[in-house]
Amino acid sequence: MASPPAAVIMVPQWTVNTKPQPMFFPTSRIEESYKILNKGQPKALGTTQLVLTLLHISLGTLGTFFLYSEFSISTYSAICFWGALFYIISGSLSIAVENNPYHSLINGFQAMNILSSVVSLFALAIFIIDAYFTGPMIISYDYYDYITNDDIYSNYSSHPSYAIYSYRSNGFRISVLTFLIISTVLQFCVCVSLSIVGCKYASHRSNARAQVFVVPNNHPSSAVIINPNPYKVSPSNGV
């Protein structure tokens, strides 16, 4: 009876590097995006937005209580007050973005500045129209009737009437509208500048590729063979 063939065991081989290998990192485009954002100085421009907003609210309050006119579009629309809400939000986000450059915060900063640009353009149109219809002089008049003691109980409409016209300068109102127009133009420029910075950041970040970590394995290594004791096969088992 021939002896059974010897058992063969396939043993995998592992290579062990005795020398640590360096890791190479590609240039991070996300960090470059943050540099583009900080280069636009959002904190300084956001502070400018808030200062211009305070000027808008002050001039709007002055125009509402002291420069009221029945033909004032800016007074009826209250653009100085509800428009200031957009400027305050966008200015606050602009300041917060430079301190905490989170991606979601930057998206909100970009959206609010675009919206504030539209609002400031709308406010500029209202102030220009209001200034166009505001003349250099204000004309006021009062009606009086010729009524004597004998005509107290008579019909007032049967008596002749006259009007007294008075003229006064409207330069103060024009000055307020001029400051509103100038500050709105500045607000529009600031909002557009911050919107452009946000668009540049979003474009640069969207083009960023995934980081690839390269670990070269050029160092020669010696093979380590693990050879456990072979199993013994008994002929009586019938295997």
Protein backbone atom coordinates (compact mmCIF):
# COMPACT_ATOMS: atom_id res chain seq x y z
CA MET A 1 0.00 0.00 0.00
CA ALA A 2 1.41 3.31 -1.06
CA SER A 3 1.76 6.03 1.50
CA PRO A 4 -0.60 9.00 1.09
CA PRO A 5 0.84 12.16 -0.35
CA ALA A 6 2.07 14.77 2.06
CA ALA A 7 -0.31 17.62 2.85
CA VAL A 8 0.46 20.95 1.19
CA ILE A 9 -0.42 24.19 2.95
CA MET A 10 -0.43 27.53 1.11
CA VAL A 11 0.96 30.19 3.43
CA PRO A 12 0.51 33.88 2.48
CA GLN A 13 3.51 36.15 2.74
CA TRP A 14 3.55 39.59 4.31
CA THR A 15 6.15 42.23 3.66
CA VAL A 16 7.23 44.42 6.51
CA ASN A 17 8.79 47.84 5.93
CA THR A 18 11.44 48.63 8.46
CA LYS A 19 11.62 52.28 7.40
CA PRO A 20 8.61 54.65 7.71
CA GLN A 21 7.48 56.16 4.43
CA PRO A 22 6.57 59.82 3.96
CA MET A 23 3.04 60.92 2.96
CA PHE A 24 2.52 63.60 0.34
CA PHE A 25 -0.53 65.90 0.54
CA PRO A 26 -1.77 67.91 -2.43
CA THR A 27 -2.39 71.64 -2.14
CA SER A 28 -5.73 72.28 -0.44
CA ARG A 29 -8.01 74.38 -2.65
CA ILE A 30 -10.40 74.87 0.24
CA GLU A 31 -7.76 76.84 2.12
CA GLU A 32 -7.22 78.90 -1.02
CA SER A 33 -10.98 79.56 -1.10
CA TYR A 34 -10.80 80.91 2.45
CA LYS A 35 -7.93 83.15 1.41
CA ILE A 36 -10.06 84.54 -1.43
CA LEU A 37 -12.85 85.20 1.05
CA ASN A 38 -10.60 86.99 3.54
CA LYS A 39 -8.99 88.99 0.76
CA GLY A 40 -12.37 90.60 0.09
CA GLN A 41 -12.38 91.96 3.68
CA PRO A 42 -15.98 91.00 4.53
CA LYS A 43 -15.62 92.21 8.12
CA ALA A 44 -14.67 95.76 7.11
CA LEU A 45 -17.35 95.94 4.43
CA GLY A 46 -19.93 94.48 6.82
CA THR A 47 -19.12 97.21 9.34
CA THR A 48 -19.60 99.77 6.57
CA GLN A 49 -22.99 98.24 5.83
CA LEU A 50 -24.11 98.63 9.44
CA VAL A 51 -22.93 102.26 9.61
CA LEU A 52 -24.81 103.12 6.41
CA THR A 53 -27.86 101.33 7.79
CA LEU A 54 -27.85 103.53 10.90
CA LEU A 55 -27.64 106.57 8.62
CA HIS A 56 -30.62 105.28 6.62
CA ILE A 57 -32.72 104.77 9.73
CA SER A 58 -31.83 108.23 11.09
CA LEU A 59 -32.62 110.01 7.83
CA GLY A 60 -35.79 107.96 7.38
CA THR A 61 -36.99 108.92 10.86
CA LEU A 62 -36.18 112.56 10.17
CA GLY A 63 -38.09 112.45 6.91
CA THR A 64 -41.10 110.77 8.49
CA PHE A 65 -41.64 113.20 11.38
CA PHE A 66 -40.26 116.50 10.07
CA LEU A 67 -40.40 116.31 6.29
CA TYR A 68 -43.79 114.76 5.76
CA SER A 69 -45.36 115.38 2.39
CA GLU A 70 -48.43 113.89 0.77
CA PHE A 71 -46.37 113.24 -2.37
CA SER A 72 -43.48 111.53 -0.56
CA ILE A 73 -43.02 108.03 -1.98
CA SER A 74 -40.20 107.19 0.40
CA THR A 75 -42.35 108.05 3.42
CA TYR A 76 -45.30 105.92 2.34
CA SER A 77 -43.15 102.96 1.29
CA ALA A 78 -41.08 103.05 4.53
CA ILE A 79 -38.11 101.80 2.53
CA CYS A 80 -35.69 103.28 5.07
CA PHE A 81 -36.99 100.91 7.75
CA TRP A 82 -37.82 97.55 6.16
CA GLY A 83 -34.89 97.88 3.77
CA ALA A 84 -32.61 98.39 6.77
CA LEU A 85 -33.50 94.89 8.01
CA PHE A 86 -31.83 93.33 4.96
CA TYR A 87 -28.75 95.50 5.42
CA ILE A 88 -28.45 94.60 9.10
CA ILE A 89 -28.69 90.86 8.40
CA SER A 90 -26.21 90.96 5.51
CA GLY A 91 -23.80 93.17 7.45
CA SER A 92 -23.92 90.89 10.50
CA LEU A 93 -23.30 87.82 8.35
CA SER A 94 -20.40 89.56 6.63
CA ILE A 95 -18.73 90.19 9.99
CA ALA A 96 -19.43 86.66 11.23
CA VAL A 97 -18.06 85.02 8.07
CA GLU A 98 -14.54 86.32 8.61
CA ASN A 99 -14.52 85.13 12.22
CA ASN A 100 -16.21 81.75 11.57
CA PRO A 101 -15.84 80.74 7.90
CA TYR A 102 -18.31 77.86 7.91
CA HIS A 103 -19.62 76.74 4.54
CA SER A 104 -23.31 77.14 5.46
CA LEU A 105 -22.65 80.59 6.93
CA ILE A 106 -20.84 81.65 3.76
CA ASN A 107 -23.80 80.51 1.64
CA GLY A 108 -26.16 82.62 3.76
CA PHE A 109 -23.77 85.56 3.56
CA GLN A 110 -23.71 85.33 -0.23
CA ALA A 111 -27.49 85.01 -0.58
CA MET A 112 -28.26 87.92 1.75
CA ASN A 113 -25.83 90.26 0.02
CA ILE A 114 -27.35 89.47 -3.37
CA LEU A 115 -30.80 90.16 -1.93
CA SER A 116 -29.57 93.37 -0.27
CA SER A 117 -28.18 94.52 -3.63
CA VAL A 118 -31.64 94.19 -5.16
CA VAL A 119 -33.26 96.01 -2.21
CA SER A 120 -30.75 98.88 -2.36
CA LEU A 121 -31.33 99.24 -6.10
CA PHE A 122 -35.08 99.43 -5.47
CA ALA A 123 -34.56 102.00 -2.69
CA LEU A 124 -32.34 104.08 -4.96
CA ALA A 125 -35.09 104.23 -7.58
CA ILE A 126 -37.62 105.37 -4.95
CA PHE A 127 -35.36 108.14 -3.62
CA ILE A 128 -34.58 109.42 -7.12
CA ILE A 129 -38.29 109.53 -8.04
CA ASP A 130 -39.10 111.26 -4.75
CA ALA A 131 -36.38 113.86 -5.35
CA TYR A 132 -37.61 114.43 -8.90
CA PHE A 133 -41.14 115.27 -7.76
CA THR A 134 -39.93 117.40 -4.85
CA GLY A 135 -39.72 121.01 -6.00
CA PRO A 136 -37.42 123.69 -4.61
CA MET A 137 -40.37 125.49 -2.96
CA ILE A 138 -43.31 124.34 -0.85
CA ILE A 139 -46.62 126.08 -1.52
CA SER A 140 -49.19 126.12 1.25
CA TYR A 141 -52.54 127.88 1.20
CA ASP A 142 -55.53 128.52 3.49
CA TYR A 143 -59.10 129.42 2.55
CA TYR A 144 -61.03 132.20 4.29
CA ASP A 145 -64.64 133.37 3.93
CA TYR A 146 -66.05 136.87 4.16
CA ILE A 147 -68.49 136.42 7.03
CA THR A 148 -70.07 139.24 9.01
CA ASN A 149 -72.05 139.13 12.20
CA ASP A 150 -75.28 139.30 10.24
CA ASP A 151 -74.36 136.28 8.16
CA ILE A 152 -73.53 133.84 10.96
CA TYR A 153 -76.66 131.77 10.36
CA SER A 154 -76.61 132.11 6.62
CA ASN A 155 -75.18 129.70 4.10
CA TYR A 156 -71.40 130.01 4.04
CA SER A 157 -71.19 128.82 0.45
CA SER A 158 -72.99 131.91 -0.78
CA HIS A 159 -70.18 134.17 0.38
CA PRO A 160 -67.01 134.81 -1.60
CA SER A 161 -63.78 133.24 -0.38
CA TYR A 162 -60.14 133.94 -0.84
CA ALA A 163 -56.89 132.02 -0.32
CA ILE A 164 -53.60 133.06 1.20
CA TYR A 165 -50.57 131.36 -0.36
CA SER A 166 -47.28 131.04 1.47
CA TYR A 167 -43.96 129.89 0.04
CA ARG A 168 -41.09 128.36 1.94
CA SER A 169 -37.89 126.70 0.89
CA ASN A 170 -37.77 122.93 0.43
CA GLY A 171 -33.99 122.74 0.62
CA PHE A 172 -33.91 120.74 3.85
CA ARG A 173 -35.96 117.92 2.36
CA ILE A 174 -33.85 117.91 -0.79
CA SER A 175 -30.72 117.71 1.36
CA VAL A 176 -32.08 114.67 3.22
CA LEU A 177 -32.99 112.95 -0.05
CA THR A 178 -29.54 113.73 -1.44
CA PHE A 179 -27.86 112.07 1.54
CA LEU A 180 -30.20 109.10 1.19
CA ILE A 181 -29.32 108.73 -2.49
CA ILE A 182 -25.57 108.92 -1.80
CA SER A 183 -25.71 106.44 1.09
CA THR A 184 -27.87 104.06 -0.96
CA VAL A 185 -25.36 104.13 -3.82
CA LEU A 186 -22.60 103.28 -1.34
CA GLN A 187 -24.74 100.52 0.15
CA PHE A 188 -25.35 99.08 -3.30
CA CYS A 189 -21.62 99.09 -4.11
CA VAL A 190 -20.77 97.35 -0.82
CA CYS A 191 -23.44 94.68 -1.31
CA VAL A 192 -22.32 94.00 -4.89
CA SER A 193 -18.67 93.76 -3.81
CA LEU A 194 -19.50 91.23 -1.09
CA SER A 195 -21.70 89.28 -3.49
CA ILE A 196 -18.81 89.03 -5.96
CA VAL A 197 -16.51 87.79 -3.19
CA GLY A 198 -19.06 85.14 -2.25
CA CYS A 199 -19.44 84.03 -5.87
CA LYS A 200 -15.66 83.75 -6.28
CA TYR A 201 -15.45 81.63 -3.15
CA ALA A 202 -18.27 79.34 -4.31
CA SER A 203 -16.74 78.95 -7.78
CA HIS A 204 -13.28 78.19 -6.41
CA ARG A 205 -14.62 75.70 -3.88
CA SER A 206 -16.79 73.87 -6.43
CA ASN A 207 -13.72 73.27 -8.63
CA ALA A 208 -11.79 71.71 -5.75
CA ARG A 209 -10.98 68.04 -6.28
CA ALA A 210 -10.97 65.34 -3.66
CA GLN A 211 -7.70 65.01 -1.80
CA VAL A 212 -5.56 62.00 -2.69
CA PHE A 213 -3.06 60.64 -0.20
CA VAL A 214 -0.08 59.03 -1.90
CA VAL A 215 2.08 56.66 0.14
CA PRO A 216 5.09 55.53 -1.90
CA ASN A 217 6.54 52.10 -1.14
CA ASN A 218 9.99 52.25 -2.71
CA HIS A 219 11.97 50.97 0.26
CA PRO A 220 13.07 47.32 -0.21
CA SER A 221 11.81 44.94 2.41
CA SER A 222 12.54 41.37 3.32
CA ALA A 223 9.84 38.76 3.06
CA VAL A 224 8.65 37.08 6.20
CA ILE A 225 7.24 33.62 5.64
CA ILE A 226 4.95 32.22 8.26
CA ASN A 227 5.05 28.45 8.09
CA PRO A 228 2.97 26.78 10.79
CA ASN A 229 3.28 23.11 11.56
CA PRO A 230 1.66 21.07 8.79
CA TYR A 231 -1.38 19.07 9.59
CA LYS A 232 -0.88 15.32 9.74
CA VAL A 233 -3.33 13.28 7.78
CA SER A 234 -4.05 9.83 9.19
CA PRO A 235 -4.69 7.13 6.58
CA SER A 236 -7.27 5.57 8.87
CA ASN A 237 -9.52 8.66 8.50
CA GLY A 238 -9.98 7.86 4.85
CA VAL A 239 -9.25 11.40 3.71
